[in-house]
Amino acid sequence: MNNFLFRFTYSGFTLIELMVSITITSILISIATPKLNSFLAQLRVDNEISTLHRLLFSARNAAINTQLPITICPLNEQNSCTSQWQNELAVFIDLNNNNTYDPIENETLIRTKPAIREVDKLQYGIGRNRIIYAPTGRTIGWGSNGTFKYCPRNYPDKSRAISISTSGRLYASSDIDNDGKDEVRSGSEINCRAE
């Protein structure tokens, strides 16, 4: 009769073990999600600021190398400069200085930067619709020096900025007072106005 003993082995989870595992996983996810979202927002901001910095730097270099004024601005459907800096940005040679990219006038499009994420904000001065680099590398015209501010939605503490001086140099924001928020060179915190 000993030969007929049945041995049952179970593999898998019991219902209680499964419910405990799901509960623990849910708690861990609820703890990690806000930090993950904050981390992703920081990555997005850093990427946009880096891309914008490279765009401005390449525009300044193009002005120096071509010995022609170089314009940076957001273009509308008619290829005219607007003040909607969150849209695609274009770097081009504006030969006739009419604030419009005219390929039929032999104007050259040097580089573009895609529009930012729709819910975020990118601002550059009130009413300013272009930046012009002179062949010397300096900015020229009203509104050419100023500060770009990038503010991600729901994460104002992650905002960053790039300031452009009249000499054409670029200055990225940094956390001057070690409070976890970036400040511009003057020491003021970055704040995107409501539009």
N, C-alpha and C. Protein backbone atom coordinates (compact mmCIF):
# COMPACT_ATOMS: atom_id res chain seq x y z
N MET A 1 0.81 -1.18 0.00
CA MET A 1 0.00 0.00 0.00
C MET A 1 0.86 1.24 0.00
N ASN A 2 2.09 1.11 0.51
CA ASN A 2 2.97 2.27 0.54
C ASN A 2 3.34 2.71 -0.87
N ASN A 3 3.28 1.83 -1.80
CA ASN A 3 3.61 2.19 -3.17
C ASN A 3 2.55 3.07 -3.81
N PHE A 4 1.39 3.10 -3.23
CA PHE A 4 0.29 3.86 -3.83
C PHE A 4 0.08 5.22 -3.17
N LEU A 5 1.03 5.67 -2.41
CA LEU A 5 0.89 7.01 -1.81
C LEU A 5 1.04 8.05 -2.92
N PHE A 6 0.14 8.92 -2.86
CA PHE A 6 0.20 10.00 -3.84
C PHE A 6 0.88 11.22 -3.22
N ARG A 7 1.78 11.73 -3.95
CA ARG A 7 2.42 12.96 -3.49
C ARG A 7 2.02 14.06 -4.46
N PHE A 8 1.47 15.09 -3.89
CA PHE A 8 1.07 16.24 -4.70
C PHE A 8 2.06 17.36 -4.46
N THR A 9 2.55 17.90 -5.51
CA THR A 9 3.40 19.09 -5.39
C THR A 9 2.68 20.23 -6.11
N TYR A 10 2.69 21.35 -5.46
CA TYR A 10 2.03 22.52 -6.02
C TYR A 10 3.08 23.46 -6.58
N SER A 11 2.80 24.00 -7.71
CA SER A 11 3.67 25.04 -8.25
C SER A 11 2.80 26.25 -8.54
N GLY A 12 3.33 27.43 -8.24
CA GLY A 12 2.55 28.64 -8.46
C GLY A 12 2.25 29.33 -7.14
N PHE A 13 1.33 30.26 -7.19
CA PHE A 13 0.97 31.06 -6.02
C PHE A 13 -0.42 30.70 -5.55
N THR A 14 -0.59 30.87 -4.27
CA THR A 14 -1.95 30.76 -3.75
C THR A 14 -2.61 32.12 -3.96
N LEU A 15 -3.88 32.19 -3.79
CA LEU A 15 -4.61 33.44 -3.97
C LEU A 15 -4.13 34.50 -2.97
N ILE A 16 -3.86 34.11 -1.77
CA ILE A 16 -3.39 35.06 -0.74
C ILE A 16 -2.01 35.59 -1.11
N GLU A 17 -1.11 34.72 -1.55
CA GLU A 17 0.22 35.16 -1.95
C GLU A 17 0.14 36.14 -3.13
N LEU A 18 -0.73 35.86 -4.08
CA LEU A 18 -0.91 36.73 -5.24
C LEU A 18 -1.43 38.10 -4.81
N MET A 19 -2.40 38.12 -3.91
CA MET A 19 -2.97 39.40 -3.45
C MET A 19 -1.94 40.21 -2.67
N VAL A 20 -1.12 39.57 -1.86
CA VAL A 20 -0.06 40.27 -1.13
C VAL A 20 0.96 40.85 -2.11
N SER A 21 1.33 40.08 -3.12
CA SER A 21 2.28 40.55 -4.13
C SER A 21 1.74 41.76 -4.88
N ILE A 22 0.48 41.71 -5.27
CA ILE A 22 -0.14 42.83 -5.98
C ILE A 22 -0.19 44.08 -5.10
N THR A 23 -0.50 43.90 -3.83
CA THR A 23 -0.57 45.02 -2.89
C THR A 23 0.79 45.67 -2.72
N ILE A 24 1.82 44.88 -2.55
CA ILE A 24 3.18 45.40 -2.38
C ILE A 24 3.62 46.13 -3.66
N THR A 25 3.35 45.54 -4.81
CA THR A 25 3.70 46.17 -6.08
C THR A 25 2.98 47.51 -6.25
N SER A 26 1.71 47.56 -5.91
CA SER A 26 0.93 48.80 -6.01
C SER A 26 1.51 49.89 -5.12
N ILE A 27 1.90 49.53 -3.93
CA ILE A 27 2.49 50.51 -3.00
C ILE A 27 3.81 51.04 -3.56
N LEU A 28 4.65 50.16 -4.07
CA LEU A 28 5.93 50.59 -4.64
C LEU A 28 5.74 51.49 -5.85
N ILE A 29 4.78 51.18 -6.70
CA ILE A 29 4.51 52.01 -7.88
C ILE A 29 4.00 53.38 -7.46
N SER A 30 3.11 53.42 -6.46
CA SER A 30 2.57 54.72 -6.03
C SER A 30 3.65 55.59 -5.39
N ILE A 31 4.66 54.98 -4.80
CA ILE A 31 5.78 55.74 -4.22
C ILE A 31 6.72 56.22 -5.33
N ALA A 32 6.98 55.39 -6.33
CA ALA A 32 7.97 55.70 -7.36
C ALA A 32 7.45 56.62 -8.46
N THR A 33 6.16 56.61 -8.75
CA THR A 33 5.62 57.36 -9.90
C THR A 33 5.89 58.86 -9.82
N PRO A 34 5.63 59.55 -8.71
CA PRO A 34 5.93 61.00 -8.70
C PRO A 34 7.40 61.31 -8.94
N LYS A 35 8.29 60.52 -8.37
CA LYS A 35 9.71 60.75 -8.58
C LYS A 35 10.10 60.47 -10.03
N LEU A 36 9.50 59.47 -10.63
CA LEU A 36 9.78 59.15 -12.02
C LEU A 36 9.29 60.28 -12.93
N ASN A 37 8.09 60.80 -12.68
CA ASN A 37 7.56 61.90 -13.49
C ASN A 37 8.42 63.14 -13.35
N SER A 38 8.88 63.43 -12.16
CA SER A 38 9.77 64.56 -11.93
C SER A 38 11.09 64.36 -12.67
N PHE A 39 11.61 63.17 -12.62
CA PHE A 39 12.86 62.84 -13.32
C PHE A 39 12.69 63.00 -14.82
N LEU A 40 11.56 62.53 -15.38
CA LEU A 40 11.31 62.66 -16.82
C LEU A 40 11.15 64.12 -17.23
N ALA A 41 10.50 64.93 -16.38
CA ALA A 41 10.37 66.36 -16.66
C ALA A 41 11.74 67.01 -16.69
N GLN A 42 12.60 66.65 -15.75
CA GLN A 42 13.95 67.21 -15.72
C GLN A 42 14.74 66.83 -16.97
N LEU A 43 14.61 65.59 -17.41
CA LEU A 43 15.28 65.16 -18.64
C LEU A 43 14.78 65.94 -19.85
N ARG A 44 13.47 66.16 -19.92
CA ARG A 44 12.86 66.90 -21.03
C ARG A 44 13.40 68.33 -21.06
N VAL A 45 13.43 68.98 -19.90
CA VAL A 45 13.92 70.36 -19.81
C VAL A 45 15.39 70.42 -20.21
N ASP A 46 16.20 69.54 -19.66
CA ASP A 46 17.63 69.53 -19.98
C ASP A 46 17.86 69.32 -21.48
N ASN A 47 17.09 68.43 -22.08
CA ASN A 47 17.22 68.17 -23.51
C ASN A 47 16.85 69.40 -24.33
N GLU A 48 15.75 70.06 -24.00
CA GLU A 48 15.32 71.24 -24.74
C GLU A 48 16.31 72.39 -24.59
N ILE A 49 16.81 72.61 -23.39
CA ILE A 49 17.78 73.68 -23.16
C ILE A 49 19.08 73.39 -23.93
N SER A 50 19.51 72.14 -23.92
CA SER A 50 20.71 71.76 -24.66
C SER A 50 20.53 71.97 -26.16
N THR A 51 19.38 71.57 -26.69
CA THR A 51 19.10 71.73 -28.12
C THR A 51 19.04 73.21 -28.49
N LEU A 52 18.38 74.01 -27.66
CA LEU A 52 18.30 75.45 -27.91
C LEU A 52 19.68 76.10 -27.85
N HIS A 53 20.48 75.69 -26.89
CA HIS A 53 21.84 76.22 -26.77
C HIS A 53 22.65 75.94 -28.02
N ARG A 54 22.55 74.71 -28.53
CA ARG A 54 23.28 74.35 -29.76
C ARG A 54 22.77 75.16 -30.96
N LEU A 55 21.46 75.40 -31.03
CA LEU A 55 20.88 76.17 -32.12
C LEU A 55 21.41 77.61 -32.11
N LEU A 56 21.40 78.24 -30.94
CA LEU A 56 21.90 79.61 -30.82
C LEU A 56 23.39 79.69 -31.11
N PHE A 57 24.13 78.72 -30.62
CA PHE A 57 25.58 78.69 -30.84
C PHE A 57 25.88 78.52 -32.33
N SER A 58 25.15 77.65 -33.00
CA SER A 58 25.39 77.44 -34.43
C SER A 58 25.00 78.67 -35.24
N ALA A 59 23.96 79.40 -34.81
CA ALA A 59 23.57 80.63 -35.50
C ALA A 59 24.67 81.69 -35.39
N ARG A 60 25.22 81.82 -34.20
CA ARG A 60 26.31 82.79 -34.00
C ARG A 60 27.53 82.42 -34.84
N ASN A 61 27.87 81.15 -34.85
CA ASN A 61 29.01 80.69 -35.66
C ASN A 61 28.75 80.90 -37.16
N ALA A 62 27.51 80.68 -37.59
CA ALA A 62 27.18 80.88 -39.01
C ALA A 62 27.34 82.35 -39.39
N ALA A 63 26.95 83.26 -38.50
CA ALA A 63 27.11 84.69 -38.78
C ALA A 63 28.58 85.05 -38.93
N ILE A 64 29.40 84.52 -38.04
CA ILE A 64 30.83 84.82 -38.09
C ILE A 64 31.47 84.20 -39.34
N ASN A 65 31.11 82.96 -39.65
CA ASN A 65 31.73 82.26 -40.78
C ASN A 65 31.27 82.78 -42.14
N THR A 66 29.98 83.15 -42.26
CA THR A 66 29.48 83.63 -43.55
C THR A 66 29.66 85.13 -43.73
N GLN A 67 29.94 85.83 -42.60
CA GLN A 67 30.03 87.29 -42.60
C GLN A 67 28.73 87.94 -43.08
N LEU A 68 27.61 87.27 -42.72
CA LEU A 68 26.27 87.79 -43.01
C LEU A 68 25.44 87.76 -41.73
N PRO A 69 24.47 88.68 -41.59
CA PRO A 69 23.57 88.62 -40.43
C PRO A 69 22.73 87.35 -40.49
N ILE A 70 22.57 86.70 -39.35
CA ILE A 70 21.79 85.47 -39.25
C ILE A 70 20.60 85.73 -38.32
N THR A 71 19.42 85.32 -38.77
CA THR A 71 18.19 85.52 -38.02
C THR A 71 17.72 84.20 -37.42
N ILE A 72 17.24 84.27 -36.17
CA ILE A 72 16.62 83.13 -35.49
C ILE A 72 15.22 83.58 -35.10
N CYS A 73 14.22 82.80 -35.48
CA CYS A 73 12.86 83.14 -35.08
C CYS A 73 11.93 81.96 -35.33
N PRO A 74 10.74 81.99 -34.70
CA PRO A 74 9.71 81.02 -35.05
C PRO A 74 8.97 81.53 -36.29
N LEU A 75 8.78 80.67 -37.26
CA LEU A 75 8.11 81.06 -38.50
C LEU A 75 6.66 80.62 -38.52
N ASN A 76 5.80 81.44 -39.13
CA ASN A 76 4.40 81.04 -39.33
C ASN A 76 4.26 80.37 -40.69
N GLU A 77 3.03 80.13 -41.15
CA GLU A 77 2.78 79.44 -42.42
C GLU A 77 3.29 80.23 -43.62
N GLN A 78 3.40 81.56 -43.48
CA GLN A 78 3.89 82.40 -44.58
C GLN A 78 5.41 82.62 -44.48
N ASN A 79 6.07 81.89 -43.60
CA ASN A 79 7.52 82.00 -43.37
C ASN A 79 7.94 83.34 -42.79
N SER A 80 7.03 84.00 -42.08
CA SER A 80 7.34 85.26 -41.40
C SER A 80 7.61 85.00 -39.93
N CYS A 81 8.48 85.81 -39.35
CA CYS A 81 8.82 85.68 -37.93
C CYS A 81 7.62 86.04 -37.06
N THR A 82 7.41 85.26 -36.00
CA THR A 82 6.35 85.53 -35.03
C THR A 82 6.97 85.54 -33.64
N SER A 83 6.16 85.78 -32.64
CA SER A 83 6.65 85.74 -31.26
C SER A 83 6.22 84.46 -30.54
N GLN A 84 5.86 83.44 -31.30
CA GLN A 84 5.42 82.15 -30.74
C GLN A 84 6.63 81.22 -30.62
N TRP A 85 7.46 81.49 -29.62
CA TRP A 85 8.75 80.80 -29.50
C TRP A 85 8.62 79.31 -29.19
N GLN A 86 7.45 78.85 -28.76
CA GLN A 86 7.27 77.42 -28.49
C GLN A 86 7.15 76.61 -29.78
N ASN A 87 6.95 77.28 -30.92
CA ASN A 87 6.84 76.61 -32.21
C ASN A 87 8.23 76.27 -32.74
N GLU A 88 8.26 75.67 -33.93
CA GLU A 88 9.54 75.35 -34.56
C GLU A 88 10.34 76.63 -34.76
N LEU A 89 11.63 76.57 -34.44
CA LEU A 89 12.51 77.72 -34.61
C LEU A 89 13.38 77.51 -35.85
N ALA A 90 13.62 78.60 -36.57
CA ALA A 90 14.42 78.54 -37.79
C ALA A 90 15.61 79.48 -37.69
N VAL A 91 16.73 79.05 -38.23
CA VAL A 91 17.93 79.88 -38.36
C VAL A 91 18.15 80.05 -39.85
N PHE A 92 18.16 81.32 -40.31
CA PHE A 92 18.29 81.56 -41.74
C PHE A 92 18.98 82.88 -42.02
N ILE A 93 19.43 83.03 -43.26
CA ILE A 93 20.03 84.28 -43.72
C ILE A 93 18.91 85.12 -44.32
N ASP A 94 18.61 86.24 -43.69
CA ASP A 94 17.54 87.14 -44.14
C ASP A 94 18.18 88.28 -44.93
N LEU A 95 18.46 88.04 -46.21
CA LEU A 95 19.21 88.99 -47.03
C LEU A 95 18.54 90.35 -47.14
N ASN A 96 17.20 90.36 -47.25
CA ASN A 96 16.50 91.64 -47.41
C ASN A 96 15.97 92.20 -46.08
N ASN A 97 16.29 91.56 -44.97
CA ASN A 97 15.94 92.04 -43.63
C ASN A 97 14.45 92.35 -43.47
N ASN A 98 13.60 91.46 -44.01
CA ASN A 98 12.15 91.69 -43.92
C ASN A 98 11.46 90.75 -42.93
N ASN A 99 12.22 90.11 -42.05
CA ASN A 99 11.68 89.19 -41.04
C ASN A 99 10.93 88.01 -41.66
N THR A 100 11.30 87.63 -42.86
CA THR A 100 10.64 86.52 -43.56
C THR A 100 11.71 85.69 -44.26
N TYR A 101 11.56 84.38 -44.14
CA TYR A 101 12.45 83.47 -44.87
C TYR A 101 11.91 83.33 -46.29
N ASP A 102 12.68 83.84 -47.27
CA ASP A 102 12.27 83.83 -48.68
C ASP A 102 13.23 82.96 -49.49
N PRO A 103 12.91 81.68 -49.67
CA PRO A 103 13.82 80.83 -50.45
C PRO A 103 13.92 81.29 -51.91
N ILE A 104 12.87 81.91 -52.45
CA ILE A 104 12.94 82.38 -53.85
C ILE A 104 13.87 83.59 -54.00
N GLU A 105 14.21 84.23 -52.86
CA GLU A 105 15.16 85.34 -52.86
C GLU A 105 16.58 84.86 -52.53
N ASN A 106 16.80 83.56 -52.67
CA ASN A 106 18.10 82.92 -52.40
C ASN A 106 18.52 83.02 -50.93
N GLU A 107 17.54 83.11 -50.02
CA GLU A 107 17.87 83.08 -48.60
C GLU A 107 18.04 81.64 -48.17
N THR A 108 19.01 81.40 -47.32
CA THR A 108 19.39 80.04 -46.94
C THR A 108 18.86 79.70 -45.56
N LEU A 109 18.18 78.57 -45.46
CA LEU A 109 17.76 78.02 -44.17
C LEU A 109 18.91 77.17 -43.65
N ILE A 110 19.46 77.57 -42.51
CA ILE A 110 20.65 76.92 -41.98
C ILE A 110 20.30 75.74 -41.09
N ARG A 111 19.33 75.94 -40.23
CA ARG A 111 19.00 74.90 -39.25
C ARG A 111 17.62 75.18 -38.66
N THR A 112 16.99 74.13 -38.16
CA THR A 112 15.70 74.29 -37.47
C THR A 112 15.74 73.50 -36.16
N LYS A 113 14.85 73.89 -35.27
CA LYS A 113 14.66 73.17 -34.00
C LYS A 113 13.17 72.88 -33.89
N PRO A 114 12.78 71.62 -33.65
CA PRO A 114 11.35 71.29 -33.57
C PRO A 114 10.65 72.04 -32.44
N ALA A 115 9.34 72.14 -32.58
CA ALA A 115 8.51 72.77 -31.55
C ALA A 115 8.65 71.98 -30.24
N ILE A 116 8.45 72.69 -29.14
CA ILE A 116 8.51 72.01 -27.85
C ILE A 116 7.21 71.26 -27.59
N ARG A 117 7.20 70.48 -26.55
CA ARG A 117 6.00 69.76 -26.15
C ARG A 117 4.87 70.75 -25.89
N GLU A 118 3.70 70.48 -26.39
CA GLU A 118 2.59 71.43 -26.40
C GLU A 118 2.21 71.98 -25.03
N VAL A 119 2.33 71.19 -23.99
CA VAL A 119 1.90 71.64 -22.66
C VAL A 119 2.95 72.49 -21.95
N ASP A 120 4.20 72.48 -22.42
CA ASP A 120 5.27 73.26 -21.80
C ASP A 120 5.30 74.66 -22.41
N LYS A 121 6.14 75.54 -21.83
CA LYS A 121 6.27 76.91 -22.32
C LYS A 121 7.72 77.23 -22.63
N LEU A 122 7.93 77.93 -23.74
CA LEU A 122 9.22 78.51 -24.08
C LEU A 122 8.95 79.97 -24.41
N GLN A 123 9.56 80.87 -23.66
CA GLN A 123 9.31 82.29 -23.83
C GLN A 123 10.60 83.05 -24.05
N TYR A 124 10.48 84.13 -24.83
CA TYR A 124 11.63 85.01 -25.06
C TYR A 124 11.12 86.43 -25.20
N GLY A 125 11.11 87.17 -24.14
CA GLY A 125 10.74 88.58 -24.17
C GLY A 125 9.34 88.85 -24.70
N ILE A 126 8.73 89.89 -24.20
CA ILE A 126 7.37 90.27 -24.62
C ILE A 126 7.45 90.95 -25.97
N GLY A 127 6.76 90.39 -26.95
CA GLY A 127 6.69 90.98 -28.28
C GLY A 127 7.92 90.80 -29.15
N ARG A 128 8.93 90.15 -28.65
CA ARG A 128 10.14 89.95 -29.45
C ARG A 128 9.92 88.80 -30.42
N ASN A 129 10.25 89.06 -31.68
CA ASN A 129 9.96 88.03 -32.68
C ASN A 129 11.18 87.54 -33.43
N ARG A 130 12.38 88.01 -33.05
CA ARG A 130 13.57 87.48 -33.71
C ARG A 130 14.82 87.86 -32.93
N ILE A 131 15.88 87.14 -33.23
CA ILE A 131 17.22 87.43 -32.74
C ILE A 131 18.09 87.50 -33.98
N ILE A 132 18.94 88.50 -34.06
CA ILE A 132 19.84 88.63 -35.21
C ILE A 132 21.28 88.68 -34.70
N TYR A 133 22.09 87.79 -35.25
CA TYR A 133 23.53 87.81 -34.99
C TYR A 133 24.21 88.53 -36.15
N ALA A 134 25.05 89.50 -35.80
CA ALA A 134 25.85 90.23 -36.80
C ALA A 134 27.07 89.40 -37.18
N PRO A 135 27.74 89.76 -38.28
CA PRO A 135 28.96 89.04 -38.67
C PRO A 135 30.06 89.06 -37.61
N THR A 136 29.96 89.98 -36.66
CA THR A 136 30.94 90.02 -35.56
C THR A 136 30.63 89.02 -34.46
N GLY A 137 29.43 88.41 -34.51
CA GLY A 137 29.01 87.48 -33.46
C GLY A 137 28.18 88.16 -32.38
N ARG A 138 28.02 89.48 -32.48
CA ARG A 138 27.19 90.23 -31.52
C ARG A 138 25.73 90.20 -31.97
N THR A 139 24.83 90.42 -31.03
CA THR A 139 23.42 90.53 -31.40
C THR A 139 23.17 91.98 -31.82
N ILE A 140 22.24 92.14 -32.76
CA ILE A 140 21.90 93.48 -33.24
C ILE A 140 20.39 93.66 -33.25
N GLY A 141 19.95 94.91 -33.18
CA GLY A 141 18.53 95.22 -33.24
C GLY A 141 17.87 95.13 -31.88
N TRP A 142 16.70 95.76 -31.79
CA TRP A 142 15.95 95.76 -30.54
C TRP A 142 15.49 94.34 -30.20
N GLY A 143 15.66 93.96 -28.96
CA GLY A 143 15.17 92.68 -28.50
C GLY A 143 16.07 91.50 -28.81
N SER A 144 17.27 91.76 -29.31
CA SER A 144 18.15 90.63 -29.61
C SER A 144 18.80 90.06 -28.36
N ASN A 145 19.01 90.89 -27.35
CA ASN A 145 19.51 90.33 -26.10
C ASN A 145 18.32 90.09 -25.19
N GLY A 146 18.35 89.03 -24.45
CA GLY A 146 17.23 88.68 -23.58
C GLY A 146 17.43 87.29 -23.00
N THR A 147 16.34 86.74 -22.48
CA THR A 147 16.41 85.44 -21.81
C THR A 147 15.32 84.50 -22.31
N PHE A 148 15.75 83.32 -22.77
CA PHE A 148 14.81 82.24 -23.06
C PHE A 148 14.47 81.56 -21.75
N LYS A 149 13.19 81.31 -21.52
CA LYS A 149 12.75 80.59 -20.33
C LYS A 149 11.96 79.37 -20.77
N TYR A 150 12.38 78.21 -20.27
CA TYR A 150 11.67 76.96 -20.56
C TYR A 150 11.03 76.47 -19.26
N CYS A 151 9.70 76.37 -19.25
CA CYS A 151 8.96 75.96 -18.06
C CYS A 151 8.11 74.73 -18.37
N PRO A 152 8.42 73.59 -17.75
CA PRO A 152 7.61 72.40 -17.98
C PRO A 152 6.32 72.46 -17.16
N ARG A 153 5.27 71.94 -17.73
CA ARG A 153 3.97 71.94 -17.06
C ARG A 153 4.03 71.11 -15.77
N ASN A 154 3.46 71.66 -14.72
CA ASN A 154 3.33 71.02 -13.40
C ASN A 154 4.66 70.87 -12.65
N TYR A 155 5.75 71.36 -13.21
CA TYR A 155 7.05 71.25 -12.54
C TYR A 155 7.80 72.59 -12.63
N PRO A 156 7.26 73.66 -12.03
CA PRO A 156 7.92 74.97 -12.14
C PRO A 156 9.32 74.99 -11.54
N ASP A 157 9.60 74.12 -10.58
CA ASP A 157 10.93 74.08 -9.98
C ASP A 157 11.99 73.54 -10.94
N LYS A 158 11.57 72.92 -12.03
CA LYS A 158 12.50 72.36 -13.02
C LYS A 158 12.80 73.34 -14.15
N SER A 159 12.23 74.55 -14.11
CA SER A 159 12.41 75.54 -15.18
C SER A 159 13.88 75.92 -15.32
N ARG A 160 14.28 76.16 -16.57
CA ARG A 160 15.65 76.57 -16.86
C ARG A 160 15.62 77.69 -17.87
N ALA A 161 16.76 78.35 -18.06
CA ALA A 161 16.82 79.50 -18.95
C ALA A 161 18.17 79.61 -19.62
N ILE A 162 18.20 80.37 -20.74
CA ILE A 162 19.43 80.75 -21.42
C ILE A 162 19.34 82.24 -21.67
N SER A 163 20.33 82.98 -21.20
CA SER A 163 20.39 84.42 -21.44
C SER A 163 21.37 84.70 -22.58
N ILE A 164 20.98 85.65 -23.44
CA ILE A 164 21.83 86.06 -24.56
C ILE A 164 22.23 87.51 -24.30
N SER A 165 23.52 87.77 -24.28
CA SER A 165 24.00 89.13 -24.06
C SER A 165 24.18 89.83 -25.41
N THR A 166 24.36 91.15 -25.37
CA THR A 166 24.57 91.89 -26.62
C THR A 166 25.89 91.50 -27.28
N SER A 167 26.81 90.92 -26.51
CA SER A 167 28.05 90.43 -27.10
C SER A 167 27.83 89.12 -27.87
N GLY A 168 26.64 88.54 -27.72
CA GLY A 168 26.31 87.29 -28.40
C GLY A 168 26.60 86.06 -27.58
N ARG A 169 27.17 86.24 -26.41
CA ARG A 169 27.50 85.09 -25.56
C ARG A 169 26.23 84.54 -24.92
N LEU A 170 26.25 83.24 -24.63
CA LEU A 170 25.12 82.54 -24.03
C LEU A 170 25.45 82.16 -22.60
N TYR A 171 24.45 82.31 -21.72
CA TYR A 171 24.63 81.97 -20.31
C TYR A 171 23.45 81.10 -19.87
N ALA A 172 23.74 79.86 -19.50
CA ALA A 172 22.70 78.96 -19.01
C ALA A 172 22.43 79.26 -17.54
N SER A 173 21.18 79.10 -17.14
CA SER A 173 20.81 79.31 -15.74
C SER A 173 21.45 78.23 -14.88
N SER A 174 21.55 78.53 -13.58
CA SER A 174 22.07 77.55 -12.63
C SER A 174 21.46 77.82 -11.27
N ASP A 175 21.62 76.86 -10.38
CA ASP A 175 21.08 76.99 -9.03
C ASP A 175 22.09 77.76 -8.17
N ILE A 176 22.02 79.07 -8.22
CA ILE A 176 23.00 79.94 -7.55
C ILE A 176 22.92 79.81 -6.03
N ASP A 177 21.69 79.79 -5.49
CA ASP A 177 21.52 79.78 -4.03
C ASP A 177 21.28 78.39 -3.44
N ASN A 178 21.48 77.35 -4.23
CA ASN A 178 21.34 75.96 -3.77
C ASN A 178 20.00 75.65 -3.13
N ASP A 179 18.91 76.18 -3.73
CA ASP A 179 17.57 75.88 -3.23
C ASP A 179 16.84 74.86 -4.10
N GLY A 180 17.53 74.29 -5.08
CA GLY A 180 16.92 73.29 -5.95
C GLY A 180 16.24 73.89 -7.16
N LYS A 181 16.28 75.22 -7.33
CA LYS A 181 15.67 75.90 -8.47
C LYS A 181 16.72 76.74 -9.17
N ASP A 182 16.71 76.71 -10.49
CA ASP A 182 17.65 77.52 -11.27
C ASP A 182 17.30 79.00 -11.18
N GLU A 183 18.35 79.83 -11.23
CA GLU A 183 18.18 81.27 -11.30
C GLU A 183 18.96 81.79 -12.51
N VAL A 184 18.53 82.93 -13.05
CA VAL A 184 19.27 83.59 -14.13
C VAL A 184 20.45 84.33 -13.52
N ARG A 185 21.28 84.94 -14.35
CA ARG A 185 22.51 85.59 -13.87
C ARG A 185 22.25 86.66 -12.82
N SER A 186 21.10 87.34 -12.91
CA SER A 186 20.80 88.40 -11.93
C SER A 186 20.42 87.84 -10.56
N GLY A 187 20.19 86.53 -10.48
CA GLY A 187 19.83 85.90 -9.22
C GLY A 187 18.34 85.66 -9.05
N SER A 188 17.52 86.14 -9.98
CA SER A 188 16.07 85.93 -9.85
C SER A 188 15.68 84.55 -10.39
N GLU A 189 14.69 83.96 -9.75
CA GLU A 189 14.22 82.64 -10.18
C GLU A 189 13.46 82.74 -11.50
N ILE A 190 13.42 81.65 -12.20
CA ILE A 190 12.78 81.60 -13.53
C ILE A 190 11.28 81.44 -13.34
N ASN A 191 10.53 82.32 -13.99
CA ASN A 191 9.07 82.29 -13.88
C ASN A 191 8.49 82.59 -15.23
N CYS A 192 7.77 81.64 -15.81
CA CYS A 192 7.11 81.86 -17.09
C CYS A 192 5.76 82.51 -16.83
N ARG A 193 5.54 83.62 -17.49
CA ARG A 193 4.27 84.33 -17.32
C ARG A 193 3.15 83.58 -18.01
N ALA A 194 1.95 83.78 -17.55
CA ALA A 194 0.78 83.18 -18.19
C ALA A 194 0.45 83.98 -19.45
N GLU A 195 0.09 83.28 -20.49
CA GLU A 195 -0.27 83.97 -21.75
C GLU A 195 -1.68 83.67 -22.13
